[in-house]
Protein backbone atom coordinates (compact mmCIF):
# COMPACT_ATOMS: atom_id res chain seq x y z
CA UNK A 1 -77.18 270.21 105.10
CA UNK A 2 -75.06 267.97 102.93
CA UNK A 3 -77.59 265.65 101.30
CA UNK A 4 -80.81 266.58 99.57
CA UNK A 5 -83.46 264.00 98.80
CA UNK A 6 -85.10 264.55 95.44
CA UNK A 7 -88.65 263.40 94.78
CA UNK A 8 -87.50 260.11 93.23
CA UNK A 9 -85.52 259.20 96.35
CA UNK A 10 -88.46 260.07 98.57
CA UNK A 11 -90.82 257.95 96.45
CA UNK A 12 -88.47 254.96 96.61
CA UNK A 13 -88.34 255.25 100.40
CA UNK A 14 -92.13 255.51 100.62
CA UNK A 15 -92.78 252.53 98.35
CA UNK A 16 -90.10 250.41 100.04
CA UNK A 17 -89.58 248.34 96.90
CA UNK A 18 -87.08 247.99 94.11
CA UNK A 19 -83.37 247.46 93.97
CA UNK A 20 -82.69 251.08 94.95
CA UNK A 21 -84.62 250.75 98.19
CA UNK A 22 -81.91 248.74 99.94
CA UNK A 23 -79.17 251.16 98.92
CA UNK A 24 -80.81 254.40 100.04
CA UNK A 25 -81.44 253.52 103.73
CA UNK A 26 -77.94 252.05 103.95
CA UNK A 27 -76.48 255.33 102.69
CA UNK A 28 -78.73 257.38 104.99
CA UNK A 29 -77.51 255.41 108.01
CA UNK A 30 -73.97 256.67 107.35
CA UNK A 31 -74.95 260.29 108.01
CA UNK A 32 -76.43 262.21 110.93
CA UNK A 33 -79.99 263.48 110.42
CA UNK A 34 -78.70 267.07 110.54
CA UNK A 35 -77.03 266.47 107.15
CA UNK A 36 -80.28 265.43 105.42
CA UNK A 37 -82.98 267.68 103.95
CA UNK A 38 -85.92 267.89 101.57
CA UNK A 39 -86.80 270.60 99.09
CA UNK A 40 -90.08 272.51 99.04
CA UNK A 41 -90.21 271.48 95.35
CA UNK A 42 -90.37 267.82 96.40
CA UNK A 43 -93.14 268.63 98.87
CA UNK A 44 -95.06 270.30 96.06
CA UNK A 45 -94.58 267.32 93.74
CA UNK A 46 -95.52 264.81 96.43
CA UNK A 47 -98.71 266.65 97.42
CA UNK A 48 -99.72 267.04 93.76
CA UNK A 49 -99.33 263.28 93.34
CA UNK A 50 -101.49 262.60 96.39
CA UNK A 51 -104.05 265.13 95.22
CA UNK A 52 -104.28 263.45 91.81
CA UNK A 53 -104.63 260.03 93.44
CA UNK A 54 -107.42 261.27 95.72
CA UNK A 55 -109.24 262.96 92.85
CA UNK A 56 -109.12 259.78 90.77
CA UNK A 57 -110.33 257.53 93.60
CA UNK A 58 -113.61 255.84 92.70
CA UNK A 59 -114.16 254.08 96.00
CA UNK A 60 -113.89 254.86 99.69
CA UNK A 61 -110.89 252.50 99.86
CA UNK A 62 -109.18 254.51 97.11
CA UNK A 63 -109.81 257.78 98.92
CA UNK A 64 -108.57 256.29 102.20
CA UNK A 65 -105.37 255.15 100.48
CA UNK A 66 -104.88 258.60 98.96
CA UNK A 67 -105.31 260.38 102.27
CA UNK A 68 -103.02 257.84 103.95
CA UNK A 69 -100.37 258.68 101.35
CA UNK A 70 -100.89 262.40 101.99
CA UNK A 71 -100.48 261.84 105.73
CA UNK A 72 -97.23 259.94 105.10
CA UNK A 73 -95.95 262.89 103.08
CA UNK A 74 -96.88 265.29 105.87
CA UNK A 75 -95.17 263.12 108.49
CA UNK A 76 -91.98 262.71 106.45
CA UNK A 77 -91.62 266.40 105.61
CA UNK A 78 -92.37 267.46 109.19
CA UNK A 79 -89.46 265.31 110.39
CA UNK A 80 -86.71 266.94 108.30
CA UNK A 81 -85.57 270.39 107.24
CA UNK A 82 -87.31 271.64 104.09
CA UNK A 83 -85.25 273.97 101.93
CA UNK A 84 -87.13 276.94 100.46
CA UNK A 85 -87.53 278.17 96.93
CA UNK A 86 -86.61 281.80 97.38
CA UNK A 87 -85.02 284.74 95.57
CA UNK A 88 -81.51 283.43 96.24
CA UNK A 89 -82.35 280.08 94.67
CA UNK A 90 -84.12 281.69 91.72
CA UNK A 91 -81.07 283.88 91.11
CA UNK A 92 -78.73 280.91 90.77
CA UNK A 93 -79.84 279.99 87.28
CA UNK A 94 -80.74 283.35 85.76
CA UNK A 95 -77.95 282.89 83.22
CA UNK A 96 -79.75 279.93 81.59
CA UNK A 97 -81.81 282.31 79.42
CA UNK A 98 -80.71 280.93 76.06
CA UNK A 99 -82.05 277.40 76.70
CA UNK A 100 -85.62 276.17 76.24
CA UNK A 101 -87.94 277.57 78.91
CA UNK A 102 -88.79 274.08 80.22
CA UNK A 103 -85.11 273.41 80.90
CA UNK A 104 -84.67 276.79 82.56
CA UNK A 105 -87.68 276.16 84.78
CA UNK A 106 -86.36 272.73 85.73
CA UNK A 107 -82.91 274.07 86.60
CA UNK A 108 -84.36 276.89 88.67
CA UNK A 109 -86.54 274.48 90.60
CA UNK A 110 -83.67 272.05 91.02
CA UNK A 111 -81.70 274.94 92.53
CA UNK A 112 -84.12 274.97 95.46
CA UNK A 113 -82.05 272.09 96.75
CA UNK A 114 -78.78 273.97 96.83
CA UNK A 115 -77.42 275.00 100.21
CA UNK A 116 -77.81 278.76 100.59
CA UNK A 117 -74.06 279.27 100.76
CA UNK A 118 -73.74 277.73 97.27
CA UNK A 119 -76.09 280.22 95.65
CA UNK A 120 -73.48 282.80 94.75
């Protein structure tokens, strides 16, 4: 795995709009699928977003849209490797103890995207 999609990249690809949308697929096309991966953190964020959308739906059409979005997330994440958040990842940023806890948490979660050979 050489390239990790973060949640923002995934959202841009799903929405298929904006100036960034043209650039991301062009860059993806330059690399074999085996070099691309998602993080379990992005899956978590994406499903939380779908869950919130579904819970806020006030009509059947809104609920249908929310479940369609959730199905798109499932399909996308089933098609690519998903990197875990495990003890090796958590250990990467243990030295960030003197920063604010929100920053430490962010860095630890961001570390879920590191290749396992980069953890130590």
